[in-house]
Protein backbone atom coordinates (compact mmCIF):
# COMPACT_ATOMS: atom_id res chain seq x y z
CA UNK A 1 22.43 7.93 -12.72
CA UNK A 2 20.58 5.58 -9.95
CA UNK A 3 21.63 2.70 -8.72
CA UNK A 4 18.69 0.82 -7.76
CA UNK A 5 19.35 0.04 -3.55
CA UNK A 6 23.44 2.13 -3.93
CA UNK A 7 24.02 5.41 -2.92
CA UNK A 8 20.31 6.71 -2.16
CA UNK A 9 20.26 9.24 0.41
CA UNK A 10 16.79 9.42 2.02
CA UNK A 11 16.32 12.74 1.02
CA UNK A 12 18.05 12.73 -2.00
CA UNK A 13 15.08 11.94 -4.30
CA UNK A 14 14.49 15.78 -4.55
CA UNK A 15 17.37 15.57 -7.08
CA UNK A 16 15.14 13.26 -9.50
CA UNK A 17 11.66 14.03 -8.93
CA UNK A 18 11.18 16.21 -11.94
CA UNK A 19 13.50 14.16 -13.75
CA UNK A 20 12.37 10.32 -13.07
CA UNK A 21 9.14 8.83 -12.60
CA UNK A 22 8.09 6.05 -10.66
CA UNK A 23 4.26 5.75 -11.65
CA UNK A 24 3.27 2.62 -13.68
CA UNK A 25 0.35 4.19 -15.61
CA UNK A 26 1.72 6.75 -18.35
CA UNK A 27 -0.16 9.12 -20.52
CA UNK A 28 0.53 10.20 -24.07
CA UNK A 29 0.06 12.87 -25.39
CA UNK A 30 -3.32 12.16 -27.64
CA UNK A 31 -7.03 12.71 -26.52
CA UNK A 32 -8.86 9.94 -27.44
CA UNK A 33 -8.59 8.38 -24.42
CA UNK A 34 -11.60 7.46 -22.24
CA UNK A 35 -11.76 10.97 -19.83
CA UNK A 36 -13.93 9.99 -16.51
CA UNK A 37 -16.57 12.33 -16.64
CA UNK A 38 -18.79 13.44 -13.50
CA UNK A 39 -21.83 11.72 -13.42
CA UNK A 40 -23.27 12.95 -9.98
CA UNK A 41 -21.75 9.77 -7.85
CA UNK A 42 -20.13 10.39 -4.68
CA UNK A 43 -17.71 7.95 -3.01
CA UNK A 44 -17.81 7.10 0.39
CA UNK A 45 -14.75 8.64 1.67
CA UNK A 46 -14.69 6.75 5.18
CA UNK A 47 -14.64 3.39 3.12
CA UNK A 48 -10.75 1.60 2.53
CA UNK A 49 -9.92 1.07 -1.41
CA UNK A 50 -12.37 2.95 -3.17
CA UNK A 51 -14.02 1.22 -6.17
CA UNK A 52 -15.33 4.14 -8.70
CA UNK A 53 -18.90 4.31 -10.06
CA UNK A 54 -17.78 4.55 -13.67
CA UNK A 55 -16.03 0.87 -13.12
CA UNK A 56 -19.50 -0.76 -12.74
CA UNK A 57 -21.60 2.33 -15.03
CA UNK A 58 -19.79 1.56 -18.49
CA UNK A 59 -19.65 -2.66 -17.96
CA UNK A 60 -23.44 -2.53 -16.77
CA UNK A 61 -24.61 0.17 -19.51
CA UNK A 62 -22.40 -2.03 -22.18
CA UNK A 63 -23.51 -5.83 -21.15
CA UNK A 64 -26.17 -6.18 -19.72
CA UNK A 65 -30.26 -4.66 -20.11
CA UNK A 66 -32.78 -2.57 -17.78
CA UNK A 67 -34.35 -5.16 -15.14
CA UNK A 68 -31.22 -7.76 -15.46
CA UNK A 69 -29.47 -8.29 -12.66
CA UNK A 70 -26.01 -7.95 -11.09
CA UNK A 71 -24.21 -9.62 -8.85
CA UNK A 72 -21.68 -8.33 -6.74
CA UNK A 73 -19.62 -10.76 -4.36
CA UNK A 74 -17.10 -7.79 -2.75
CA UNK A 75 -19.86 -4.78 -2.58
CA UNK A 76 -17.56 -3.42 0.06
CA UNK A 77 -19.70 -0.11 -0.12
CA UNK A 78 -22.19 -0.49 -2.15
CA UNK A 79 -21.01 1.42 -5.06
CA UNK A 80 -22.61 -1.18 -7.98
CA UNK A 81 -25.80 -1.23 -6.29
CA UNK A 82 -25.86 2.17 -6.82
CA UNK A 83 -25.14 2.10 -10.17
CA UNK A 84 -27.61 -0.32 -10.87
CA UNK A 85 -30.48 1.43 -9.77
CA UNK A 86 -29.35 3.92 -11.29
CA UNK A 87 -29.41 2.69 -14.65
CA UNK A 88 -32.76 0.56 -13.66
CA UNK A 89 -31.19 -2.76 -13.08
CA UNK A 90 -31.49 -5.27 -10.30
CA UNK A 91 -28.20 -5.87 -7.87
CA UNK A 92 -27.61 -8.72 -5.23
CA UNK A 93 -24.41 -7.32 -2.94
CA UNK A 94 -23.10 -9.35 -0.15
CA UNK A 95 -20.22 -9.14 1.67
CA UNK A 96 -18.21 -10.13 4.89
CA UNK A 97 -18.80 -7.17 6.53
CA UNK A 98 -21.88 -5.03 4.93
CA UNK A 99 -21.39 -1.43 5.37
CA UNK A 100 -25.14 -0.67 4.19
CA UNK A 101 -28.51 -2.01 4.64
CA UNK A 102 -28.87 -3.56 1.24
CA UNK A 103 -25.82 -5.39 1.26
CA UNK A 104 -26.49 -8.90 2.59
CA UNK A 105 -23.72 -10.52 4.80
CA UNK A 106 -22.33 -13.65 3.40
CA UNK A 107 -18.95 -15.32 2.61
CA UNK A 108 -19.36 -15.33 -1.41
CA UNK A 109 -17.52 -19.00 -1.24
CA UNK A 110 -21.17 -20.30 0.22
CA UNK A 111 -23.78 -17.30 -0.39
CA UNK A 112 -26.18 -18.22 -2.54
CA UNK A 113 -27.92 -15.30 -4.93
CA UNK A 114 -31.13 -17.45 -4.99
CA UNK A 115 -31.39 -16.84 -8.76
CA UNK A 116 -29.07 -16.77 -12.14
CA UNK A 117 -27.47 -13.30 -12.72
CA UNK A 118 -26.30 -11.52 -16.12
CA UNK A 119 -23.44 -10.14 -14.47
CA UNK A 120 -20.93 -10.70 -11.82
CA UNK A 121 -18.83 -8.01 -10.41
CA UNK A 122 -15.38 -8.88 -8.55
CA UNK A 123 -13.46 -6.32 -6.72
CA UNK A 124 -11.57 -8.41 -4.07
CA UNK A 125 -9.37 -7.29 -0.92
CA UNK A 126 -5.81 -7.05 -2.49
CA UNK A 127 -4.24 -9.47 -0.29
CA UNK A 128 -1.82 -7.52 2.46
CA UNK A 129 -2.73 -4.13 1.19
CA UNK A 130 -5.70 -3.14 3.90
CA UNK A 131 -7.40 -5.45 6.39
CA UNK A 132 -10.63 -5.13 6.31
CA UNK A 133 -11.50 -7.10 8.99
CA UNK A 134 -10.14 -9.47 11.32
CA UNK A 135 -12.54 -12.24 9.98
CA UNK A 136 -10.10 -15.23 9.29
CA UNK A 137 -12.48 -16.27 6.56
CA UNK A 138 -11.68 -11.99 4.72
CA UNK A 139 -9.36 -12.62 1.91
CA UNK A 140 -7.01 -9.92 3.29
CA UNK A 141 -6.05 -11.57 6.36
CA UNK A 142 -5.17 -14.84 3.94
CA UNK A 143 -1.80 -15.78 5.36
CA UNK A 144 -0.24 -16.07 1.69
CA UNK A 145 -0.62 -15.50 -1.71
CA UNK A 146 -0.96 -19.25 -2.57
CA UNK A 147 -3.97 -19.22 0.46
CA UNK A 148 -5.60 -15.88 -1.08
CA UNK A 149 -5.75 -18.03 -4.68
CA UNK A 150 -7.13 -20.94 -3.48
CA UNK A 151 -9.96 -18.94 -1.21
CA UNK A 152 -10.37 -17.22 -4.39
CA UNK A 153 -10.65 -19.82 -6.82
CA UNK A 154 -13.01 -21.39 -4.18
CA UNK A 155 -15.22 -18.47 -4.34
CA UNK A 156 -14.99 -18.60 -8.31
CA UNK A 157 -16.40 -21.80 -8.57
CA UNK A 158 -19.46 -20.83 -6.28
CA UNK A 159 -19.88 -17.41 -8.41
CA UNK A 160 -19.62 -19.59 -11.84
CA UNK A 161 -22.77 -21.73 -11.01
CA UNK A 162 -24.93 -18.64 -11.31
CA UNK A 163 -23.95 -16.56 -14.02
CA UNK A 164 -25.75 -17.51 -17.24
CA UNK A 165 -23.53 -18.17 -20.08
CA UNK A 166 -22.38 -15.97 -22.58
CA UNK A 167 -22.49 -13.21 -19.72
CA UNK A 168 -20.04 -11.14 -18.06
CA UNK A 169 -17.74 -11.26 -15.06
CA UNK A 170 -16.19 -8.15 -14.60
CA UNK A 171 -12.56 -8.59 -12.42
CA UNK A 172 -11.03 -5.53 -10.97
CA UNK A 173 -7.98 -5.78 -9.02
CA UNK A 174 -4.28 -4.83 -9.27
CA UNK A 175 -0.77 -5.29 -7.83
CA UNK A 176 1.05 -5.74 -4.85
CA UNK A 177 4.70 -5.99 -3.53
CA UNK A 178 5.74 -8.93 -1.71
CA UNK A 179 9.75 -9.17 -0.91
CA UNK A 180 10.61 -6.48 -3.10
CA UNK A 181 8.78 -8.25 -6.27
CA UNK A 182 5.75 -6.52 -7.91
CA UNK A 183 2.97 -9.69 -8.73
CA UNK A 184 -0.15 -8.98 -10.82
CA UNK A 185 -2.41 -10.35 -8.51
CA UNK A 186 -5.15 -8.94 -11.04
CA UNK A 187 -3.84 -11.29 -14.14
CA UNK A 188 -3.28 -14.20 -11.73
CA UNK A 189 -6.90 -14.25 -10.80
CA UNK A 190 -7.70 -13.46 -14.44
CA UNK A 191 -5.83 -16.47 -15.33
CA UNK A 192 -8.53 -18.63 -12.28
CA UNK A 193 -11.33 -17.24 -14.02
CA UNK A 194 -10.01 -18.46 -17.40
CA UNK A 195 -10.06 -22.11 -15.89
CA UNK A 196 -13.51 -21.95 -15.66
CA UNK A 197 -14.34 -21.59 -18.98
CA UNK A 198 -13.86 -18.04 -19.34
CA UNK A 199 -12.65 -15.71 -22.27
CA UNK A 200 -10.90 -12.56 -21.60
CA UNK A 201 -12.26 -10.20 -23.66
CA UNK A 202 -10.39 -6.84 -22.47
CA UNK A 203 -7.79 -5.44 -20.18
CA UNK A 204 -8.34 -1.85 -19.12
CA UNK A 205 -5.89 -0.02 -16.52
CA UNK A 206 -7.31 2.48 -14.76
CA UNK A 207 -5.88 4.76 -12.32
CA UNK A 208 -7.58 4.82 -9.07
CA UNK A 209 -6.32 8.17 -7.55
CA UNK A 210 -6.63 8.98 -4.35
CA UNK A 211 -8.06 6.45 -1.84
CA UNK A 212 -7.87 6.19 2.40
CA UNK A 213 -4.40 5.24 3.63
CA UNK A 214 -3.23 6.59 -0.01
CA UNK A 215 -2.85 10.43 1.07
CA UNK A 216 -0.35 12.96 -0.15
CA UNK A 217 1.66 12.92 2.91
CA UNK A 218 3.01 9.04 1.69
CA UNK A 219 3.91 10.25 -1.75
CA UNK A 220 7.32 11.69 -0.97
CA UNK A 221 7.96 8.45 1.07
CA UNK A 222 6.49 6.08 -1.88
CA UNK A 223 8.75 7.92 -4.11
CA UNK A 224 11.88 7.33 -2.29
CA UNK A 225 11.06 3.96 -1.92
CA UNK A 226 10.72 3.06 -5.54
CA UNK A 227 13.85 4.75 -6.63
CA UNK A 228 15.86 2.79 -3.96
CA UNK A 229 14.43 -1.24 -4.60
CA UNK A 230 13.60 -0.50 -8.49
CA UNK A 231 10.27 -0.34 -8.31
CA UNK A 232 7.34 1.24 -9.93
CA UNK A 233 4.05 2.72 -8.17
CA UNK A 234 1.40 1.21 -9.48
CA UNK A 235 -1.63 3.20 -8.15
CA UNK A 236 -4.35 2.23 -10.59
CA UNK A 237 -6.44 -1.44 -11.23
CA UNK A 238 -6.37 -3.85 -13.93
CA UNK A 239 -10.33 -4.51 -14.41
CA UNK A 240 -10.13 -7.57 -16.73
CA UNK A 241 -13.28 -7.91 -18.94
CA UNK A 242 -14.54 -12.10 -18.68
CA UNK A 243 -17.33 -13.90 -20.80
CA UNK A 244 -18.63 -17.03 -19.75
CA UNK A 245 -18.74 -19.85 -22.37
CA UNK A 246 -21.23 -22.37 -23.49
């Protein structure tokens, strides 16, 4: 028996690893779940916070047509651009820290794509998980969750001007642990999006697997901490499919 926080020696996790899970994504034995195929894309392994190609692939294919325009306002390593180009869509990308020539430098609080768009994809930094830069405008440098939500609201206010009615905004954002509490930052941001007149058409959980900074050598320590603190390892993204109403 494990009593959270009590009498758990640092090495005793080994006695439980075959029996007690701390993973927060559970799979049933059924075979009707979406298995992510290899579509020939490759991720930038040097970039923190991998954003898999299957997310924009599914959303762009389902909710846009050829020659329409997608805006990724947290472009990161350019995943959305690669997929959009492959699917014969136009793509506008901006980021505070551009990593590719086709990504424009710009703060999404004020960035102007100079046209309306037919889809927005948002994969914001999770507050306090990875520091992407020393820029005070970077959401990963917000001093508190409250500041993070205020900044996200400013970004949403700007982005909303350019997305056409009835079109889709895809929000990808997960969980953080602060002061021993699991906080669903993604769900909170989804509620902010709703306040701008959007309906949530679906929620998806995607196991994001290995990323830079999340190597297997940390797995044992994370397992021990989860057992000791009574928490769960949420190694995944929440994907919220949001439709803008008229």
